[in-house]
Protein backbone atom coordinates (compact mmCIF):
# COMPACT_ATOMS: atom_id res chain seq x y z
CA UNK A 1 -143.20 2.09 127.14
CA UNK A 2 -146.86 1.90 129.07
CA UNK A 3 -148.74 -0.91 127.62
CA UNK A 4 -150.08 -4.21 128.77
CA UNK A 5 -146.90 -5.64 129.21
CA UNK A 6 -144.66 -2.94 130.92
CA UNK A 7 -145.43 -0.96 133.88
CA UNK A 8 -144.44 2.70 134.07
CA UNK A 9 -141.98 1.64 136.76
CA UNK A 10 -139.02 -0.60 137.02
CA UNK A 11 -136.49 -1.35 139.92
CA UNK A 12 -134.84 1.82 141.41
CA UNK A 13 -131.71 2.75 139.61
CA UNK A 14 -132.18 0.18 136.78
CA UNK A 15 -133.40 2.54 133.42
CA UNK A 16 -136.31 1.53 131.94
CA UNK A 17 -134.60 0.68 128.57
CA UNK A 18 -132.23 -1.65 130.64
CA UNK A 19 -135.74 -3.24 132.30
CA UNK A 20 -137.46 -3.86 128.91
CA UNK A 21 -134.55 -5.36 127.54
CA UNK A 22 -134.03 -7.64 130.57
CA UNK A 23 -137.55 -8.62 130.92
CA UNK A 24 -137.31 -9.82 127.34
CA UNK A 25 -133.98 -11.94 127.95
CA UNK A 26 -135.81 -13.22 130.91
CA UNK A 27 -139.21 -13.54 129.11
CA UNK A 28 -136.93 -16.29 126.77
CA UNK A 29 -135.74 -18.09 129.67
CA UNK A 30 -138.72 -18.46 131.31
CA UNK A 31 -140.36 -19.82 128.47
CA UNK A 32 -137.59 -22.32 127.91
CA UNK A 33 -137.44 -23.44 131.59
CA UNK A 34 -141.24 -23.64 131.35
CA UNK A 35 -140.87 -26.07 128.42
CA UNK A 36 -138.03 -28.27 130.52
CA UNK A 37 -140.16 -28.51 133.37
CA UNK A 38 -143.05 -30.04 131.06
CA UNK A 39 -140.45 -32.21 129.18
CA UNK A 40 -138.69 -33.38 132.09
CA UNK A 41 -141.71 -34.82 133.76
CA UNK A 42 -143.05 -36.47 130.26
CA UNK A 43 -139.70 -38.37 130.76
CA UNK A 44 -140.42 -39.29 134.09
CA UNK A 45 -143.76 -40.96 133.13
CA UNK A 46 -142.43 -42.41 130.21
CA UNK A 47 -138.89 -44.05 130.76
CA UNK A 48 -138.89 -47.81 130.54
CA UNK A 49 -136.37 -50.10 130.28
CA UNK A 50 -132.86 -51.14 132.89
CA UNK A 51 -132.60 -48.48 135.34
CA UNK A 52 -135.96 -47.41 135.06
CA UNK A 53 -136.37 -46.44 138.56
CA UNK A 54 -133.29 -44.50 138.86
CA UNK A 55 -133.80 -42.73 136.35
CA UNK A 56 -137.38 -42.05 136.89
CA UNK A 57 -136.66 -40.56 140.68
CA UNK A 58 -133.68 -38.31 139.63
CA UNK A 59 -136.18 -36.43 137.59
CA UNK A 60 -138.92 -35.42 139.92
CA UNK A 61 -136.15 -33.27 141.89
CA UNK A 62 -134.84 -31.76 138.71
CA UNK A 63 -138.93 -30.95 137.94
CA UNK A 64 -139.20 -29.43 141.20
CA UNK A 65 -135.96 -27.39 141.21
CA UNK A 66 -136.78 -25.95 137.64
CA UNK A 67 -140.28 -24.79 138.61
CA UNK A 68 -138.80 -22.94 141.44
CA UNK A 69 -136.40 -21.04 138.73
CA UNK A 70 -139.57 -20.27 136.72
CA UNK A 71 -141.05 -19.03 139.64
CA UNK A 72 -137.76 -16.96 140.15
CA UNK A 73 -137.31 -15.66 136.93
CA UNK A 74 -141.56 -14.93 136.61
CA UNK A 75 -140.99 -12.61 140.07
CA UNK A 76 -138.38 -10.93 138.51
CA UNK A 77 -139.94 -10.18 135.49
CA UNK A 78 -142.86 -8.57 137.60
CA UNK A 79 -140.69 -6.76 139.75
CA UNK A 80 -138.95 -5.10 136.65
CA UNK A 81 -142.06 -4.25 135.73
CA UNK A 82 -142.77 -6.82 132.94
CA UNK A 83 -145.67 -9.24 132.51
CA UNK A 84 -144.62 -12.91 132.83
CA UNK A 85 -146.48 -15.01 130.54
CA UNK A 86 -146.62 -18.66 131.46
CA UNK A 87 -149.49 -20.01 129.41
CA UNK A 88 -149.39 -22.72 126.61
CA UNK A 89 -150.03 -20.34 124.38
CA UNK A 90 -147.09 -18.09 125.20
CA UNK A 91 -144.72 -21.60 125.50
CA UNK A 92 -145.28 -22.63 122.04
CA UNK A 93 -145.65 -19.32 120.28
CA UNK A 94 -142.14 -18.05 122.25
CA UNK A 95 -139.79 -21.60 121.31
CA UNK A 96 -137.47 -21.60 118.72
CA UNK A 97 -137.17 -25.46 118.82
CA UNK A 98 -138.87 -28.27 118.12
CA UNK A 99 -141.10 -30.10 120.58
CA UNK A 100 -139.60 -32.91 122.43
CA UNK A 101 -140.70 -36.06 120.24
CA UNK A 102 -140.07 -39.23 122.33
CA UNK A 103 -143.16 -40.62 124.18
CA UNK A 104 -142.67 -44.29 125.63
CA UNK A 105 -138.92 -44.92 125.15
CA UNK A 106 -136.05 -46.87 126.52
CA UNK A 107 -133.66 -45.29 129.17
CA UNK A 108 -131.10 -44.51 127.20
CA UNK A 109 -133.16 -43.06 124.18
CA UNK A 110 -134.73 -40.59 126.36
CA UNK A 111 -131.25 -39.49 128.27
CA UNK A 112 -129.72 -39.03 124.88
CA UNK A 113 -132.24 -36.83 123.87
CA UNK A 114 -132.59 -34.81 127.16
CA UNK A 115 -128.66 -34.50 127.16
CA UNK A 116 -129.36 -32.56 123.83
CA UNK A 117 -132.28 -30.55 125.68
CA UNK A 118 -130.05 -29.48 128.29
CA UNK A 119 -127.48 -28.42 125.54
CA UNK A 120 -130.13 -26.19 124.29
CA UNK A 121 -131.06 -24.52 127.45
CA UNK A 122 -127.61 -24.20 129.03
CA UNK A 123 -126.09 -22.80 126.00
CA UNK A 124 -129.17 -20.18 125.67
CA UNK A 125 -128.32 -19.21 129.62
CA UNK A 126 -125.10 -18.82 129.03
CA UNK A 127 -126.34 -16.08 126.00
CA UNK A 128 -129.03 -14.94 128.61
CA UNK A 129 -125.71 -14.36 131.27
CA UNK A 130 -123.86 -12.32 128.54
CA UNK A 131 -126.39 -10.03 127.14
CA UNK A 132 -127.31 -9.39 130.97
CA UNK A 133 -124.02 -8.50 131.92
CA UNK A 134 -124.67 -4.98 130.68
CA UNK A 135 -128.23 -4.73 131.45
CA UNK A 136 -128.86 -5.83 135.00
CA UNK A 137 -126.28 -7.79 137.20
CA UNK A 138 -129.15 -8.97 139.54
CA UNK A 139 -131.03 -10.73 137.08
CA UNK A 140 -127.30 -11.72 135.52
CA UNK A 141 -126.67 -13.56 138.88
CA UNK A 142 -129.94 -14.91 139.10
CA UNK A 143 -129.61 -16.99 135.84
CA UNK A 144 -125.79 -17.38 136.63
CA UNK A 145 -127.05 -19.39 140.25
CA UNK A 146 -129.78 -21.35 137.72
CA UNK A 147 -127.24 -22.50 135.66
CA UNK A 148 -125.04 -24.06 138.04
CA UNK A 149 -127.76 -26.06 138.62
CA UNK A 150 -128.83 -26.99 135.25
CA UNK A 151 -125.11 -28.15 134.34
CA UNK A 152 -125.20 -29.99 137.40
CA UNK A 153 -128.37 -32.05 136.06
CA UNK A 154 -126.68 -32.38 132.68
CA UNK A 155 -123.74 -34.09 134.07
CA UNK A 156 -126.14 -36.16 136.22
CA UNK A 157 -127.68 -37.50 132.87
CA UNK A 158 -124.58 -37.51 130.96
CA UNK A 159 -123.33 -39.91 133.74
CA UNK A 160 -125.82 -42.41 132.21
CA UNK A 161 -124.73 -42.23 128.72
CA UNK A 162 -121.17 -41.80 129.05
CA UNK A 163 -118.72 -44.54 128.51
CA UNK A 164 -115.67 -45.33 130.43
CA UNK A 165 -113.64 -44.08 128.04
CA UNK A 166 -115.61 -40.48 128.69
CA UNK A 167 -117.38 -40.53 125.25
CA UNK A 168 -121.53 -39.64 124.91
CA UNK A 169 -123.75 -41.84 123.18
CA UNK A 170 -125.41 -40.39 120.48
């Protein structure tokens, strides 16, 4: 197990194989959140139309929070003896989804697309929680806490695209 991406040690009491599997799960979450952080900033720069300023200003705190989440995950990976990878190449090579395709666009269009992004990120965070339950309760708790914030951010987005009858624009 001693290679460039995994130290010979992990957190005391955590078996090396569990640490290795945890690092794999966390590395995928790191890639997803780095991508989300960049996508949020991209939308922030390119959103136009009615409610521009409200959406523009809503996104920066999300960017900051997601950036903090990436730091927490990267430090957990390092704590477990892994090597966090946050380079653009690592993000592109590690993604299983298409790049955000919209450039300058109306508020509603960006928010509908962002809702879909949050659907993917949040669903994958839930899957990670299930995997981490058996591997590492500390990492599981960390991802669970992040999911609570991510779901709230999605609720903020959905408040802009929800009808009075509770239907989301598609």
